[in-house]
N, C-alpha and C. Protein backbone atom coordinates (compact mmCIF):
# COMPACT_ATOMS: atom_id res chain seq x y z
N GLY A 1 30.40 0.97 -27.88
CA GLY A 1 31.36 -0.17 -29.46
C GLY A 1 30.61 -1.56 -28.65
N THR A 2 31.27 -2.23 -29.35
CA THR A 2 31.00 -3.76 -29.09
C THR A 2 32.43 -4.42 -28.76
N MET A 3 32.44 -5.31 -27.68
CA MET A 3 33.55 -5.90 -27.43
C MET A 3 33.68 -6.80 -28.75
N ALA A 4 35.76 -6.62 -28.72
CA ALA A 4 36.41 -7.33 -29.68
C ALA A 4 37.68 -7.37 -29.12
N ALA A 5 38.37 -9.00 -29.92
CA ALA A 5 39.43 -9.33 -29.31
C ALA A 5 40.46 -9.20 -29.69
N ALA A 6 41.29 -8.82 -29.10
CA ALA A 6 43.04 -8.50 -30.15
C ALA A 6 43.67 -9.83 -29.53
N CYS A 7 44.17 -10.72 -30.67
CA CYS A 7 44.58 -11.70 -30.45
C CYS A 7 46.22 -11.55 -30.84
N CYS A 8 47.08 -11.96 -29.81
CA CYS A 8 48.42 -11.93 -29.96
C CYS A 8 48.72 -13.44 -29.79
N ARG A 9 49.59 -13.90 -31.00
CA ARG A 9 50.00 -15.16 -31.04
C ARG A 9 52.12 -14.77 -30.22
N THR A 10 52.41 -15.59 -29.44
CA THR A 10 53.05 -15.15 -29.04
C THR A 10 54.27 -16.73 -28.44
N ARG A 11 55.10 -16.89 -28.87
CA ARG A 11 55.45 -18.34 -28.36
C ARG A 11 55.00 -19.03 -28.54
N GLY A 12 53.80 -19.14 -29.26
CA GLY A 12 53.05 -20.84 -29.13
C GLY A 12 51.77 -20.18 -28.47
N ARG A 13 51.52 -19.44 -27.61
CA ARG A 13 50.32 -18.98 -26.76
C ARG A 13 49.57 -17.96 -27.43
N ILE A 14 48.37 -17.42 -26.86
CA ILE A 14 47.63 -16.98 -27.28
C ILE A 14 47.48 -16.09 -26.33
N ALA A 15 47.79 -14.90 -26.22
CA ALA A 15 47.35 -14.13 -25.08
C ALA A 15 46.07 -12.86 -25.80
N GLN A 16 45.30 -12.76 -24.83
CA GLN A 16 43.72 -11.99 -25.42
C GLN A 16 43.79 -10.75 -24.76
N LYS A 17 43.31 -9.82 -25.00
CA LYS A 17 42.50 -8.67 -24.15
C LYS A 17 41.40 -7.96 -24.94
N GLN A 18 40.55 -8.15 -23.76
CA GLN A 18 39.07 -7.16 -24.51
C GLN A 18 39.38 -6.26 -24.50
N PHE A 19 38.69 -5.40 -25.76
CA PHE A 19 38.68 -3.61 -25.62
C PHE A 19 37.79 -3.44 -26.26
N SER A 20 36.92 -2.24 -26.17
CA SER A 20 35.86 -1.86 -27.00
C SER A 20 35.90 -1.52 -28.17
N SER A 21 35.45 -1.51 -29.15
CA SER A 21 36.03 -1.25 -30.79
C SER A 21 34.51 -1.87 -31.75
N ASN A 22 34.64 -0.97 -32.95
CA ASN A 22 33.65 -1.83 -33.71
C ASN A 22 34.39 -3.15 -34.90
N LEU A 23 35.56 -3.23 -34.44
CA LEU A 23 36.15 -4.25 -35.61
C LEU A 23 36.96 -5.30 -34.92
N ARG A 24 37.11 -6.26 -35.66
CA ARG A 24 37.74 -7.57 -34.91
C ARG A 24 39.57 -7.38 -35.65
N ILE A 25 39.95 -7.57 -34.74
CA ILE A 25 41.57 -7.38 -34.87
C ILE A 25 41.94 -8.96 -34.67
N LEU A 26 42.71 -9.49 -35.77
CA LEU A 26 43.47 -10.69 -35.61
C LEU A 26 44.75 -10.19 -35.51
N THR A 27 46.31 -10.22 -34.44
CA THR A 27 47.05 -10.29 -35.24
C THR A 27 48.21 -10.90 -34.46
N SER A 28 49.52 -11.00 -34.85
CA SER A 28 50.44 -11.69 -34.71
C SER A 28 51.59 -10.68 -34.02
N SER A 29 52.46 -11.09 -33.14
CA SER A 29 53.32 -10.12 -32.99
C SER A 29 54.79 -9.40 -33.75
N ILE A 30 54.32 -9.94 -34.69
CA ILE A 30 55.05 -9.07 -35.99
C ILE A 30 54.08 -8.02 -37.11
N PHE A 31 53.03 -7.89 -36.45
CA PHE A 31 52.62 -7.13 -36.80
C PHE A 31 52.02 -5.31 -35.84
N ARG A 32 51.94 -4.13 -36.08
CA ARG A 32 51.71 -3.27 -34.83
C ARG A 32 50.89 -2.63 -35.42
N MET A 33 49.87 -1.85 -34.69
CA MET A 33 48.78 -1.03 -35.42
C MET A 33 49.12 0.00 -34.44
N SER A 34 49.50 1.35 -35.02
CA SER A 34 49.34 2.49 -34.09
C SER A 34 48.74 3.55 -34.10
N SER A 35 48.51 4.32 -33.77
CA SER A 35 47.42 5.64 -33.22
C SER A 35 47.67 6.19 -34.73
N PHE A 36 46.06 6.75 -34.99
CA PHE A 36 46.04 7.95 -36.12
C PHE A 36 44.87 8.62 -35.96
N GLY A 37 45.37 9.58 -35.23
CA GLY A 37 44.55 10.76 -34.70
C GLY A 37 44.35 10.95 -33.29
N PRO A 38 43.80 12.19 -33.11
CA PRO A 38 43.77 12.90 -31.70
C PRO A 38 42.48 11.45 -31.59
N MET A 39 41.87 10.89 -32.00
CA MET A 39 40.09 10.13 -31.44
C MET A 39 40.63 8.82 -31.65
N SER A 40 41.82 8.09 -31.86
CA SER A 40 42.19 7.28 -31.71
C SER A 40 42.29 6.62 -30.23
N ARG A 41 42.55 5.34 -30.04
CA ARG A 41 42.67 4.66 -28.51
C ARG A 41 43.73 4.08 -28.99
N HIS A 42 44.47 3.88 -27.75
CA HIS A 42 45.76 3.03 -28.19
C HIS A 42 45.68 1.83 -26.74
N TYR A 43 45.91 0.86 -27.21
CA TYR A 43 45.91 -0.19 -26.49
C TYR A 43 47.23 -1.54 -26.48
N THR A 44 47.69 -1.83 -25.52
CA THR A 44 48.66 -2.78 -25.59
C THR A 44 48.33 -4.12 -24.84
N ILE A 45 48.76 -5.00 -25.68
CA ILE A 45 48.48 -6.52 -25.04
C ILE A 45 49.88 -7.03 -24.29
N GLU A 46 49.18 -7.46 -22.79
CA GLU A 46 50.35 -8.26 -22.20
C GLU A 46 51.28 -9.34 -22.67
N ALA A 47 52.31 -9.25 -23.28
CA ALA A 47 53.12 -10.53 -24.00
C ALA A 47 54.67 -9.99 -23.64
N PRO A 48 55.24 -11.32 -24.25
CA PRO A 48 56.80 -11.17 -24.06
C PRO A 48 57.38 -9.97 -25.33
N ASP A 49 56.65 -10.28 -26.42
CA ASP A 49 57.34 -9.49 -27.44
C ASP A 49 55.76 -8.48 -27.69
N VAL A 50 55.95 -7.22 -26.93
CA VAL A 50 54.84 -6.17 -27.50
C VAL A 50 54.05 -6.22 -28.29
N THR A 51 53.21 -6.19 -28.89
CA THR A 51 51.94 -5.96 -30.02
C THR A 51 51.25 -4.57 -29.46
N THR A 52 51.22 -3.37 -30.43
CA THR A 52 50.20 -2.54 -29.51
C THR A 52 49.00 -2.55 -30.54
N VAL A 53 47.88 -2.51 -30.51
CA VAL A 53 46.65 -2.13 -31.11
C VAL A 53 45.93 -0.68 -30.99
N SER A 54 45.51 -0.40 -31.85
CA SER A 54 44.72 1.09 -32.23
C SER A 54 43.85 0.84 -32.74
N ARG A 55 42.28 1.57 -32.05
CA ARG A 55 41.28 1.64 -33.07
C ARG A 55 41.28 2.35 -34.32
N LEU A 56 40.91 1.99 -35.20
CA LEU A 56 40.97 2.57 -36.54
C LEU A 56 39.52 3.10 -36.89
N SER A 57 38.75 2.94 -36.82
CA SER A 57 37.34 3.35 -37.67
C SER A 57 36.69 3.92 -36.19
N ILE A 58 37.27 5.02 -36.48
CA ILE A 58 36.51 6.42 -35.33
C ILE A 58 35.39 6.29 -35.41
N SER A 59 34.72 6.70 -36.85
CA SER A 59 33.43 7.11 -37.19
C SER A 59 32.63 5.86 -36.72
N GLY A 60 33.05 4.96 -36.34
CA GLY A 60 32.17 3.53 -36.38
C GLY A 60 31.96 2.59 -37.48
N ASN A 61 32.48 3.56 -38.99
CA ASN A 61 32.38 2.70 -40.22
C ASN A 61 33.29 1.46 -40.45
N ASN A 62 33.29 0.08 -40.80
CA ASN A 62 34.24 -0.55 -41.18
C ASN A 62 34.60 -0.11 -42.63
N VAL A 63 35.57 0.71 -43.45
CA VAL A 63 35.80 1.30 -44.42
C VAL A 63 37.23 0.62 -45.19
N ALA A 64 36.77 0.07 -45.82
CA ALA A 64 38.14 -0.55 -46.85
C ALA A 64 39.18 0.44 -46.96
N PRO A 65 40.76 -0.17 -46.59
CA PRO A 65 41.38 0.66 -46.84
C PRO A 65 42.32 0.79 -47.93
N VAL A 66 41.85 2.09 -48.59
CA VAL A 66 42.47 2.35 -49.81
C VAL A 66 43.53 3.14 -49.66
N VAL A 67 44.75 2.10 -50.52
CA VAL A 67 45.99 3.28 -50.50
C VAL A 67 45.93 4.40 -51.84
N THR A 68 46.25 5.29 -51.35
CA THR A 68 46.35 6.46 -52.56
C THR A 68 47.64 6.99 -52.61
N ARG A 69 48.73 6.72 -51.95
CA ARG A 69 49.72 7.17 -52.31
C ARG A 69 51.26 6.22 -52.17
N PHE A 70 52.62 6.06 -52.58
CA PHE A 70 53.12 5.18 -51.84
C PHE A 70 54.68 6.12 -52.15
N SER A 71 55.68 5.83 -51.25
CA SER A 71 57.18 6.21 -51.95
C SER A 71 57.78 5.13 -51.17
N THR A 72 58.75 5.95 -50.90
CA THR A 72 60.16 5.12 -50.58
C THR A 72 60.26 4.56 -49.21
N GLN A 73 59.37 5.70 -48.62
CA GLN A 73 59.27 5.81 -46.96
C GLN A 73 58.00 5.11 -46.22
N GLY A 74 56.94 4.50 -47.01
CA GLY A 74 56.06 4.54 -46.63
C GLY A 74 54.46 4.49 -47.96
N PHE A 75 53.36 4.30 -47.20
CA PHE A 75 52.01 4.40 -47.82
C PHE A 75 51.26 5.20 -47.39
N THR A 76 50.27 5.92 -48.08
CA THR A 76 49.09 6.72 -47.27
C THR A 76 47.93 5.89 -48.04
N VAL A 77 47.68 5.48 -46.88
CA VAL A 77 46.31 4.34 -46.61
C VAL A 77 45.13 5.40 -45.77
N SER A 78 43.87 5.24 -46.67
CA SER A 78 42.74 5.85 -46.40
C SER A 78 42.86 7.50 -45.35
N GLY A 79 43.80 8.10 -46.21
CA GLY A 79 44.54 9.25 -45.71
C GLY A 79 45.41 9.41 -44.41
N ASN A 80 45.73 7.96 -44.20
CA ASN A 80 46.49 7.91 -42.80
C ASN A 80 47.84 7.75 -43.66
N LEU A 81 48.47 8.12 -43.10
CA LEU A 81 50.30 8.40 -43.39
C LEU A 81 50.76 7.10 -42.41
N VAL A 82 51.13 5.90 -43.53
CA VAL A 82 51.85 4.80 -42.77
C VAL A 82 53.34 4.11 -43.51
N TYR A 83 54.55 4.67 -42.24
CA TYR A 83 56.11 4.64 -42.26
C TYR A 83 56.40 2.85 -42.31
N GLY A 84 56.92 2.69 -43.65
CA GLY A 84 57.41 1.40 -43.77
C GLY A 84 56.42 0.87 -44.27
N SER A 85 56.56 -0.56 -44.25
CA SER A 85 55.12 -1.91 -44.67
C SER A 85 54.21 -1.35 -44.02
N VAL A 86 53.28 -2.22 -44.87
CA VAL A 86 51.92 -2.20 -44.46
C VAL A 86 51.07 -3.45 -44.71
N ALA A 87 50.30 -3.93 -43.65
CA ALA A 87 49.43 -5.13 -43.97
C ALA A 87 48.31 -4.50 -44.43
N LEU A 88 47.14 -4.94 -45.29
CA LEU A 88 46.14 -4.55 -45.58
C LEU A 88 44.72 -5.36 -45.48
N LEU A 89 44.16 -5.07 -44.81
CA LEU A 89 43.09 -6.43 -44.65
C LEU A 89 41.78 -5.94 -45.48
N PRO A 90 40.39 -6.91 -45.58
CA PRO A 90 39.77 -6.11 -46.35
C PRO A 90 38.83 -4.51 -45.38
N THR A 91 39.24 -4.44 -44.03
CA THR A 91 38.35 -3.43 -43.11
C THR A 91 39.41 -2.88 -42.50
N ALA A 92 40.61 -3.21 -42.75
CA ALA A 92 41.76 -2.19 -41.58
C ALA A 92 42.96 -2.44 -42.38
N PHE A 93 44.07 -2.26 -41.74
CA PHE A 93 45.03 -2.11 -42.13
C PHE A 93 46.09 -1.65 -40.68
N LEU A 94 47.19 -2.73 -40.79
CA LEU A 94 48.74 -2.27 -40.00
C LEU A 94 49.87 -1.99 -40.19
N HIS A 95 50.91 -1.50 -39.48
CA HIS A 95 52.13 -1.39 -39.69
C HIS A 95 52.58 -3.09 -39.75
N TRP A 96 53.05 -3.74 -41.03
CA TRP A 96 54.35 -4.77 -40.43
C TRP A 96 55.45 -4.72 -40.87
N LYS A 97 56.16 -5.23 -40.04
CA LYS A 97 57.66 -5.15 -39.50
C LYS A 97 58.03 -6.23 -40.36
N VAL A 98 58.14 -5.96 -41.75
CA VAL A 98 59.06 -6.26 -42.47
C VAL A 98 59.68 -5.26 -43.42
N LYS A 99 61.16 -5.40 -43.44
CA LYS A 99 62.00 -4.44 -44.08
C LYS A 99 61.98 -4.83 -45.73
N ARG A 100 62.29 -5.93 -45.77
CA ARG A 100 62.63 -6.25 -47.36
C ARG A 100 62.06 -7.36 -47.68
N PHE A 101 61.89 -7.91 -48.78
CA PHE A 101 61.14 -9.22 -49.58
C PHE A 101 61.72 -10.31 -48.52
N GLU A 102 63.30 -10.38 -48.42
CA GLU A 102 64.16 -11.73 -47.96
C GLU A 102 63.49 -11.59 -46.48
N ASP A 103 62.57 -10.92 -45.86
CA ASP A 103 62.21 -10.86 -44.64
C ASP A 103 60.82 -11.97 -44.57
N VAL A 104 60.01 -11.72 -45.47
CA VAL A 104 58.72 -12.43 -45.58
C VAL A 104 58.92 -13.84 -45.66
N THR A 105 57.97 -14.16 -44.50
CA THR A 105 58.35 -15.87 -44.37
C THR A 105 56.94 -16.28 -43.88
N PRO A 106 56.51 -17.39 -43.78
CA PRO A 106 55.13 -17.84 -43.63
C PRO A 106 54.92 -17.28 -41.89
N GLU A 107 55.73 -16.99 -41.27
CA GLU A 107 55.35 -16.50 -39.82
C GLU A 107 55.04 -15.32 -39.99
N THR A 108 55.78 -14.32 -40.91
CA THR A 108 55.25 -12.82 -41.13
C THR A 108 53.83 -12.88 -42.00
N LEU A 109 53.14 -13.77 -42.65
CA LEU A 109 51.93 -13.89 -43.35
C LEU A 109 51.27 -14.13 -42.30
N VAL A 110 51.19 -14.93 -41.49
CA VAL A 110 50.14 -15.30 -40.46
C VAL A 110 49.10 -14.63 -40.51
N LEU A 111 48.98 -13.55 -39.81
CA LEU A 111 47.99 -12.81 -39.59
C LEU A 111 46.80 -12.96 -41.02
N PHE A 112 47.28 -13.56 -42.26
CA PHE A 112 46.33 -13.33 -42.98
C PHE A 112 45.66 -14.67 -43.31
N SER A 113 45.81 -15.51 -42.62
CA SER A 113 45.02 -17.16 -42.34
C SER A 113 44.66 -17.03 -41.32
N LEU A 114 44.66 -15.61 -40.12
CA LEU A 114 43.65 -16.10 -39.20
C LEU A 114 42.04 -15.13 -39.18
N LEU A 115 42.18 -14.64 -40.74
CA LEU A 115 40.82 -13.82 -40.46
C LEU A 115 39.56 -14.27 -41.08
N HIS A 116 38.56 -13.84 -40.19
CA HIS A 116 37.55 -14.84 -40.51
C HIS A 116 36.90 -13.85 -40.66
N PRO A 117 35.42 -13.66 -42.07
CA PRO A 117 35.77 -14.48 -43.24
C PRO A 117 37.32 -14.35 -43.60
N PRO A 118 37.52 -15.71 -44.23
CA PRO A 118 39.07 -15.51 -45.00
C PRO A 118 38.91 -15.10 -46.30
N ILE A 119 40.61 -14.48 -46.42
CA ILE A 119 40.89 -14.06 -47.43
C ILE A 119 40.81 -15.02 -48.53
N GLU A 120 40.90 -14.71 -50.12
CA GLU A 120 40.71 -15.58 -50.90
C GLU A 120 42.28 -15.58 -51.63
N MET A 121 42.63 -14.44 -51.57
CA MET A 121 43.52 -13.68 -52.21
C MET A 121 44.46 -12.95 -51.40
N LEU A 122 45.63 -12.89 -51.28
CA LEU A 122 46.90 -12.41 -50.56
C LEU A 122 47.49 -11.37 -51.93
N VAL A 123 47.75 -10.11 -51.87
CA VAL A 123 48.37 -9.45 -53.34
C VAL A 123 49.67 -8.96 -52.55
N LEU A 124 51.08 -9.31 -52.80
CA LEU A 124 52.10 -8.93 -52.22
C LEU A 124 53.05 -8.36 -52.65
N GLY A 125 53.47 -6.93 -52.64
CA GLY A 125 54.01 -5.77 -53.05
C GLY A 125 55.37 -5.95 -52.78
N VAL A 126 56.37 -6.06 -53.77
CA VAL A 126 57.96 -6.82 -53.25
C VAL A 126 58.78 -5.95 -53.45
N GLY A 127 58.51 -4.29 -53.77
CA GLY A 127 59.38 -3.66 -53.76
C GLY A 127 59.57 -3.05 -55.52
N ALA A 128 60.39 -2.53 -55.52
CA ALA A 128 60.59 -1.81 -56.84
C ALA A 128 60.54 -2.90 -57.93
N GLU A 129 60.95 -4.26 -57.49
CA GLU A 129 61.11 -4.81 -58.98
C GLU A 129 60.58 -6.26 -58.56
N ILE A 130 59.67 -7.30 -59.23
CA ILE A 130 59.41 -8.65 -59.14
C ILE A 130 60.11 -9.38 -58.78
N LYS A 131 59.95 -10.27 -57.69
CA LYS A 131 60.85 -10.99 -57.44
C LYS A 131 59.86 -12.53 -57.03
N GLN A 132 60.86 -14.01 -57.31
CA GLN A 132 60.15 -14.89 -56.97
C GLN A 132 59.97 -15.16 -55.40
N ALA A 133 58.69 -15.90 -54.86
CA ALA A 133 58.38 -16.43 -53.84
C ALA A 133 58.63 -17.23 -53.51
N PRO A 134 59.70 -18.03 -52.31
CA PRO A 134 60.15 -18.91 -51.88
C PRO A 134 58.44 -20.04 -51.90
N GLU A 135 59.74 -21.48 -52.03
CA GLU A 135 58.21 -22.14 -51.84
C GLU A 135 57.32 -22.38 -50.10
N SER A 136 58.17 -21.94 -49.37
CA SER A 136 57.62 -22.04 -48.34
C SER A 136 56.60 -21.11 -48.07
N ILE A 137 56.59 -19.97 -48.77
CA ILE A 137 55.57 -19.12 -48.89
C ILE A 137 54.38 -19.64 -49.46
N LYS A 138 54.81 -20.06 -50.50
CA LYS A 138 53.51 -20.69 -51.63
C LYS A 138 53.04 -21.83 -50.90
N ALA A 139 53.59 -22.86 -49.92
CA ALA A 139 53.05 -24.05 -49.54
C ALA A 139 52.36 -23.22 -48.39
N PHE A 140 52.66 -22.59 -47.57
CA PHE A 140 51.99 -21.72 -46.26
C PHE A 140 50.64 -21.54 -47.40
N LEU A 141 50.24 -20.27 -47.66
CA LEU A 141 49.52 -20.13 -48.40
C LEU A 141 48.28 -21.19 -48.97
N ARG A 142 48.85 -21.85 -49.77
CA ARG A 142 48.64 -23.02 -50.52
C ARG A 142 47.17 -23.61 -49.17
N SER A 143 48.03 -24.06 -48.28
CA SER A 143 47.21 -24.95 -47.17
C SER A 143 46.36 -24.17 -46.45
N LYS A 144 46.42 -22.64 -46.56
CA LYS A 144 45.20 -21.95 -45.99
C LYS A 144 43.94 -21.38 -47.23
N ALA A 145 44.40 -21.88 -48.53
CA ALA A 145 43.40 -21.80 -49.83
C ALA A 145 43.46 -20.44 -49.63
N ILE A 146 44.66 -19.54 -49.81
CA ILE A 146 44.97 -17.99 -50.12
C ILE A 146 45.94 -18.47 -51.46
N SER A 147 45.55 -17.93 -52.48
CA SER A 147 45.86 -17.57 -53.69
C SER A 147 47.12 -16.23 -53.38
N LEU A 148 48.39 -16.53 -54.22
CA LEU A 148 49.30 -15.49 -53.90
C LEU A 148 49.55 -14.90 -55.80
N GLU A 149 49.36 -13.59 -55.48
CA GLU A 149 49.71 -12.57 -56.48
C GLU A 149 50.94 -11.58 -56.14
N ILE A 150 52.11 -11.97 -56.76
CA ILE A 150 53.25 -11.23 -56.37
C ILE A 150 53.39 -10.27 -57.57
N GLN A 151 53.39 -8.83 -56.72
CA GLN A 151 53.82 -8.02 -58.07
C GLN A 151 54.91 -6.91 -57.38
N ASP A 152 55.18 -5.73 -58.20
CA ASP A 152 55.93 -4.59 -57.35
C ASP A 152 55.48 -4.60 -56.95
N THR A 153 55.48 -3.19 -56.46
CA THR A 153 54.51 -2.49 -54.82
C THR A 153 53.80 -1.28 -55.95
N PRO A 154 54.48 -0.86 -57.07
CA PRO A 154 53.35 0.10 -57.64
C PRO A 154 52.07 -0.54 -58.12
N ASN A 155 51.94 -1.37 -58.69
CA ASN A 155 51.32 -2.67 -59.38
C ASN A 155 50.42 -2.99 -58.57
N ALA A 156 51.21 -3.48 -57.26
CA ALA A 156 50.09 -4.14 -56.15
C ALA A 156 48.94 -3.14 -55.55
N CYS A 157 49.78 -1.96 -55.38
CA CYS A 157 48.89 -0.93 -54.60
C CYS A 157 47.48 -1.04 -55.37
N ALA A 158 47.72 -1.37 -57.03
CA ALA A 158 46.16 -0.67 -57.81
C ALA A 158 45.55 -2.22 -58.02
N THR A 159 46.56 -3.26 -58.09
CA THR A 159 45.34 -4.44 -57.66
C THR A 159 44.93 -4.62 -56.55
N PHE A 160 45.37 -4.22 -55.32
CA PHE A 160 44.66 -4.56 -54.44
C PHE A 160 42.83 -3.50 -54.37
N ASN A 161 43.46 -2.45 -54.26
CA ASN A 161 42.47 -1.27 -54.45
C ASN A 161 41.69 -1.64 -55.64
N PHE A 162 41.36 -1.94 -56.24
CA PHE A 162 40.46 -2.51 -57.68
C PHE A 162 39.65 -4.12 -57.13
N LEU A 163 40.52 -5.25 -56.55
CA LEU A 163 40.07 -5.97 -56.03
C LEU A 163 39.24 -5.76 -54.90
N LEU A 164 39.35 -4.97 -53.87
CA LEU A 164 38.90 -4.87 -53.00
C LEU A 164 37.55 -3.95 -53.48
N ASP A 165 37.51 -3.23 -54.51
CA ASP A 165 36.57 -2.35 -54.62
C ASP A 165 35.50 -2.94 -55.08
N GLU A 166 35.92 -4.35 -56.26
CA GLU A 166 35.02 -5.34 -56.59
C GLU A 166 34.68 -5.96 -56.03
N GLY A 167 34.76 -5.89 -54.48
CA GLY A 167 34.05 -6.53 -53.52
C GLY A 167 34.72 -8.32 -53.19
N ARG A 168 35.94 -8.12 -53.45
CA ARG A 168 36.66 -9.57 -53.51
C ARG A 168 37.29 -9.33 -51.81
N ARG A 169 37.43 -10.61 -51.22
CA ARG A 169 38.09 -11.13 -50.02
C ARG A 169 39.74 -10.66 -50.04
N VAL A 170 40.17 -9.99 -50.10
CA VAL A 170 41.33 -9.52 -50.43
C VAL A 170 42.24 -9.04 -49.26
N GLY A 171 43.59 -9.78 -49.32
CA GLY A 171 44.82 -8.89 -48.36
C GLY A 171 45.81 -8.02 -49.07
N GLY A 172 46.51 -7.45 -48.61
CA GLY A 172 47.47 -7.03 -49.08
C GLY A 172 48.93 -6.72 -48.19
N ALA A 173 50.06 -7.33 -48.78
CA ALA A 173 51.22 -7.11 -47.99
C ALA A 173 51.97 -6.08 -48.72
N LEU A 174 52.53 -4.86 -48.73
CA LEU A 174 53.33 -4.16 -49.08
C LEU A 174 54.55 -3.50 -48.63
N ILE A 175 55.66 -3.76 -49.26
CA ILE A 175 56.95 -3.47 -49.09
C ILE A 175 57.16 -2.01 -49.83
N PRO A 176 57.50 -1.11 -49.27
CA PRO A 176 57.87 0.61 -49.99
C PRO A 176 58.90 -0.14 -50.83
N PRO A 177 58.74 0.42 -51.72
CA PRO A 177 59.67 0.33 -53.47
C PRO A 177 61.03 1.04 -52.69
N GLU A 178 62.02 0.04 -52.99
CA GLU A 178 63.57 0.68 -52.84
C GLU A 178 63.78 2.01 -53.41
N TYR A 179 63.54 2.15 -54.63
CA TYR A 179 63.53 3.38 -55.49
C TYR A 179 62.28 3.41 -56.16
N LEU A 180 62.22 4.80 -57.08
CA LEU A 180 60.84 5.52 -58.09
C LEU A 180 60.95 5.72 -59.20
């Protein structure tokens, strides 16, 4: 494979670890990517707050992450079960260490501002009911030229899939709904 870098932003410092992979992953310590099957490789970045990264694209193709199911426990993304919240990127997805909408801050959304090429929109699925985003989140994303679409999680899943299918550079941050 080609060399790619996984970066971890920890207490203002960047820890970097090289690994063989066909995708470039930029992540912060609030994200966790875990193994998805017997062919996945598991990597740990040495940092005070451990972040783990796994190879997602086993076949060598960067496949868009499609959300096919959701529940109060998590999501099925491209055939992989993800427990809890998920961060969706144009060609990858990660566990997102956010349990409820009140935990969403500019710091928990920093990954979406580090992507290259950048995303143009973030679809935020906030659970079973739509909620208003705090001004700090709106200002952070505005400063990075990323528009924000807030929806209940079922509609956010459909919107993310639709925009990605249309070829848009979109990210998704999805919190499982509290009830169905």
